[in-house]
Amino acid sequence: MAAKFVLDNTSPYYVHPLEGSGISITAVVFNGENYDLWEKAVTTAFRSKNKLGFIDGSFTLKADAEQAEKDAWMMVNSTICSWLLNVTDPKLRSTIAYTHVAKTMWDDIKKRYGSSDIPKKHSLKTKIANCKQGKGMSVVDYYSELVGYWNELDGVAKRNFCNCGKCECKDLWPNIIKKAEEEKAHQFLMGLDDDKYSTVRGHILAMDPSPILIVFII
């Protein structure tokens, strides 16, 4: 008689009783245009639940697995498929609902909606350049929108800091970071409402050294 397949709460097969197929694993719902944000939210949620391996391919079912393990894999795989559908806009669900393997569903979404880095960078830089404080828009809301674009761009750019240990590299990176922060400060100031903040902006730009971006209380 085959040994009974036993689960514990550290196993990738373990699903908490309160985390059934009907839950929403993140507040971010995929709408066809927010793939990057959605992908990060979903992978973070899956990592916290020890389920990331089901969609990134790092956890697979062995061919010689016991039937009990196969049953457990099917159960968790189906639950993950439901989780993905639950955080997808209803208008898009029909395009992925007939895929029954979580990794295949995940890869299909990525293939169709995850564009290459170059168009993403261009699109985000365009949004940053055009981001302005509209009439009736608070400084905090304007700043939040701009920070959102910056964070997305940082994620796409995947900047890698040098760790070679050489003195010239050690001295170079702080200057690069400082220049990047100065550029953000100028982007923020350029987008401020001219009618309200042109005078204040002039005073800030006259500062020496150049301002590093902090949320200016204006």
Protein backbone atom coordinates (compact mmCIF):
# COMPACT_ATOMS: atom_id res chain seq x y z
CA MET A 1 0.00 0.00 0.00
CA ALA A 2 1.42 3.38 -1.04
CA ALA A 3 2.39 5.83 1.66
CA LYS A 4 -0.11 8.58 2.27
CA PHE A 5 0.80 11.94 0.78
CA VAL A 6 1.12 14.35 3.71
CA LEU A 7 1.05 18.16 3.51
CA ASP A 8 2.28 20.79 5.93
CA ASN A 9 1.97 24.58 5.82
CA THR A 10 5.46 25.00 4.32
CA SER A 11 4.63 22.95 1.22
CA PRO A 12 3.90 24.68 -2.12
CA TYR A 13 0.83 22.45 -2.22
CA TYR A 14 -0.59 23.91 0.96
CA VAL A 15 -3.54 26.28 0.54
CA HIS A 16 -4.95 27.98 3.61
CA PRO A 17 -8.65 27.18 4.17
CA LEU A 18 -9.50 30.90 3.87
CA GLU A 19 -7.61 31.24 0.57
CA GLY A 20 -9.86 29.35 -1.78
CA SER A 21 -10.40 29.89 -5.48
CA GLY A 22 -12.73 32.87 -4.90
CA ILE A 23 -10.25 35.29 -3.32
CA SER A 24 -8.53 38.27 -4.96
CA ILE A 25 -4.81 37.97 -4.32
CA THR A 26 -4.16 41.64 -5.11
CA ALA A 27 -6.14 44.85 -5.47
CA VAL A 28 -4.52 45.46 -8.87
CA VAL A 29 -6.78 44.20 -11.66
CA PHE A 30 -5.26 43.52 -15.07
CA ASN A 31 -7.00 45.64 -17.72
CA GLY A 32 -4.77 45.00 -20.73
CA GLU A 33 -2.74 48.19 -20.25
CA ASN A 34 -1.19 47.83 -16.79
CA TYR A 35 0.74 44.58 -17.28
CA ASP A 36 3.96 45.69 -15.54
CA LEU A 37 2.23 46.84 -12.36
CA TRP A 38 -0.08 43.81 -12.36
CA GLU A 39 2.78 41.38 -12.93
CA LYS A 40 4.72 42.78 -9.97
CA ALA A 41 1.64 42.70 -7.71
CA VAL A 42 0.78 39.11 -8.66
CA THR A 43 4.32 37.74 -8.34
CA THR A 44 4.64 39.40 -4.93
CA ALA A 45 1.37 37.81 -3.82
CA PHE A 46 2.37 34.38 -5.14
CA ARG A 47 5.78 34.61 -3.49
CA SER A 48 4.12 35.36 -0.15
CA LYS A 49 1.93 32.27 -0.58
CA ASN A 50 4.82 30.03 -1.70
CA LYS A 51 3.17 29.54 -5.09
CA LEU A 52 5.49 31.47 -7.41
CA GLY A 53 7.09 28.24 -8.63
CA PHE A 54 3.82 27.20 -10.28
CA ILE A 55 3.97 30.12 -12.73
CA ASP A 56 7.71 30.73 -13.18
CA GLY A 57 8.50 27.06 -13.88
CA SER A 58 10.74 26.50 -10.87
CA PHE A 59 8.28 24.04 -9.30
CA THR A 60 7.13 21.21 -11.53
CA LEU A 61 5.37 17.90 -11.04
CA LYS A 62 7.69 14.92 -11.48
CA ALA A 63 6.55 12.22 -13.86
CA ASP A 64 6.91 9.52 -11.21
CA ALA A 65 4.99 11.44 -8.53
CA GLU A 66 2.47 9.54 -6.44
CA GLN A 67 -1.18 9.89 -7.36
CA ALA A 68 -1.82 11.83 -4.17
CA GLU A 69 0.77 14.41 -5.19
CA LYS A 70 -0.66 14.59 -8.70
CA ASP A 71 -4.08 15.27 -7.21
CA ALA A 72 -2.59 17.98 -4.97
CA TRP A 73 -0.84 19.57 -7.95
CA MET A 74 -4.08 19.64 -9.96
CA MET A 75 -5.94 21.22 -7.06
CA VAL A 76 -3.38 23.98 -6.50
CA ASN A 77 -2.92 24.56 -10.23
CA SER A 78 -6.69 25.05 -10.62
CA THR A 79 -6.74 27.40 -7.62
CA ILE A 80 -3.95 29.51 -9.12
CA CYS A 81 -5.77 29.69 -12.46
CA SER A 82 -8.82 30.98 -10.57
CA TRP A 83 -6.70 33.53 -8.71
CA LEU A 84 -5.35 34.85 -12.02
CA LEU A 85 -8.85 35.10 -13.48
CA ASN A 86 -10.10 36.89 -10.36
CA VAL A 87 -7.58 39.71 -10.84
CA THR A 88 -8.23 40.05 -14.58
CA ASP A 89 -10.83 42.42 -16.01
CA PRO A 90 -14.00 40.48 -16.92
CA LYS A 91 -13.68 41.74 -20.51
CA LEU A 92 -10.36 39.91 -20.87
CA ARG A 93 -11.17 36.71 -18.99
CA SER A 94 -12.60 34.92 -22.01
CA THR A 95 -9.22 35.23 -23.76
CA ILE A 96 -7.44 33.20 -21.07
CA ALA A 97 -10.17 31.24 -19.30
CA TYR A 98 -9.78 28.10 -21.44
CA THR A 99 -6.16 27.55 -20.44
CA HIS A 100 -6.02 24.95 -17.68
CA VAL A 101 -2.35 25.11 -16.68
CA ALA A 102 -1.33 28.10 -14.54
CA LYS A 103 2.12 28.50 -16.11
CA THR A 104 0.68 28.35 -19.63
CA MET A 105 -1.91 30.98 -18.68
CA TRP A 106 0.79 33.18 -17.15
CA ASP A 107 3.11 32.83 -20.16
CA ASP A 108 0.25 33.53 -22.57
CA ILE A 109 -0.62 36.79 -20.81
CA LYS A 110 3.04 37.83 -20.77
CA LYS A 111 3.48 37.02 -24.47
CA ARG A 112 0.44 39.06 -25.50
CA TYR A 113 0.68 42.02 -23.15
CA GLY A 114 4.29 42.23 -21.94
CA SER A 115 5.95 44.41 -24.58
CA SER A 116 9.71 44.77 -25.05
CA ASP A 117 11.73 47.22 -22.94
CA ILE A 118 12.45 49.82 -25.65
CA PRO A 119 8.79 50.74 -26.42
CA LYS A 120 8.03 50.75 -22.68
CA LYS A 121 10.91 53.11 -21.94
CA HIS A 122 9.86 55.44 -24.75
CA SER A 123 6.22 55.44 -23.61
CA LEU A 124 7.13 56.14 -19.98
CA LYS A 125 9.60 58.90 -20.88
CA THR A 126 6.89 60.50 -23.00
CA LYS A 127 4.44 60.33 -20.10
CA ILE A 128 7.04 61.87 -17.78
CA ALA A 129 7.77 64.68 -20.24
CA ASN A 130 4.06 65.42 -20.63
CA CYS A 131 3.14 65.08 -16.95
CA LYS A 132 1.84 68.43 -15.71
CA GLN A 133 -0.06 69.71 -12.71
CA GLY A 134 -3.48 70.28 -14.24
CA LYS A 135 -5.90 72.95 -13.16
CA GLY A 136 -7.43 72.00 -9.82
CA MET A 137 -4.87 69.25 -9.30
CA SER A 138 -3.04 69.29 -5.98
CA VAL A 139 0.75 69.22 -5.78
CA VAL A 140 0.57 65.91 -3.90
CA ASP A 141 -1.55 64.28 -6.64
CA TYR A 142 0.75 65.62 -9.36
CA TYR A 143 3.83 64.39 -7.50
CA SER A 144 2.26 60.96 -6.93
CA GLU A 145 1.51 60.58 -10.64
CA LEU A 146 5.06 61.56 -11.56
CA VAL A 147 6.59 59.19 -8.98
CA GLY A 148 4.47 56.37 -10.41
CA TYR A 149 5.98 56.92 -13.85
CA TRP A 150 9.50 57.16 -12.41
CA ASN A 151 9.06 53.91 -10.52
CA GLU A 152 7.78 52.14 -13.62
CA LEU A 153 10.73 53.44 -15.63
CA ASP A 154 13.19 52.31 -12.97
CA GLY A 155 11.64 48.84 -13.09
CA VAL A 156 11.95 48.65 -16.88
CA ALA A 157 15.45 50.14 -16.99
CA LYS A 158 16.71 47.62 -14.40
CA ARG A 159 19.65 49.77 -13.39
CA ASN A 160 22.47 47.64 -11.98
CA PHE A 161 24.89 49.17 -9.51
CA CYS A 162 28.52 48.22 -9.92
CA ASN A 163 30.08 46.13 -7.15
CA CYS A 164 33.51 45.53 -8.65
CA GLY A 165 35.21 47.22 -5.69
CA LYS A 166 37.40 49.51 -7.80
CA CYS A 167 37.79 53.03 -6.48
CA GLU A 168 36.74 54.71 -9.74
CA CYS A 169 33.44 52.82 -9.75
CA LYS A 170 32.87 53.56 -6.08
CA ASP A 171 33.26 57.27 -6.76
CA LEU A 172 31.21 57.23 -9.98
CA TRP A 173 27.86 55.86 -8.78
CA PRO A 174 27.08 58.55 -6.16
CA ASN A 175 27.49 61.19 -8.86
CA ILE A 176 25.21 59.29 -11.24
CA ILE A 177 22.56 58.96 -8.53
CA LYS A 178 22.87 62.65 -7.66
CA LYS A 179 22.45 63.67 -11.31
CA ALA A 180 19.39 61.43 -11.65
CA GLU A 181 17.81 63.03 -8.56
CA GLU A 182 18.56 66.52 -9.89
CA GLU A 183 16.89 65.58 -13.17
CA LYS A 184 13.79 64.44 -11.29
CA ALA A 185 13.73 67.71 -9.38
CA HIS A 186 13.76 69.67 -12.64
CA GLN A 187 11.04 67.45 -14.13
CA PHE A 188 8.88 68.06 -11.08
CA LEU A 189 9.40 71.80 -11.17
CA MET A 190 8.75 72.06 -14.92
CA GLY A 191 5.35 70.44 -14.52
CA LEU A 192 4.09 72.74 -11.76
CA ASP A 193 1.19 75.05 -12.51
CA ASP A 194 2.75 78.23 -13.94
CA ASP A 195 -0.02 80.48 -12.65
CA LYS A 196 0.50 79.41 -9.05
CA TYR A 197 4.14 78.45 -8.70
CA SER A 198 6.27 80.27 -11.29
CA THR A 199 7.76 82.60 -8.66
CA VAL A 200 8.45 79.81 -6.18
CA ARG A 201 9.99 77.69 -8.95
CA GLY A 202 12.33 80.54 -9.84
CA HIS A 203 13.53 80.79 -6.22
CA ILE A 204 14.12 77.01 -6.05
CA LEU A 205 16.05 76.96 -9.34
CA ALA A 206 18.28 79.75 -8.04
CA MET A 207 19.39 77.55 -5.16
CA ASP A 208 23.04 76.54 -5.03
CA PRO A 209 23.74 73.66 -5.02
CA SER A 210 20.97 72.41 -7.30
CA PRO A 211 17.97 71.05 -5.41
CA ILE A 212 17.54 67.34 -4.77
CA LEU A 213 13.90 66.34 -5.06
CA ILE A 214 12.02 66.32 -1.80
CA VAL A 215 8.26 66.84 -1.74
CA PHE A 216 8.30 70.62 -1.79
CA ILE A 217 5.72 72.09 0.58
CA ILE A 218 4.35 74.85 -1.59
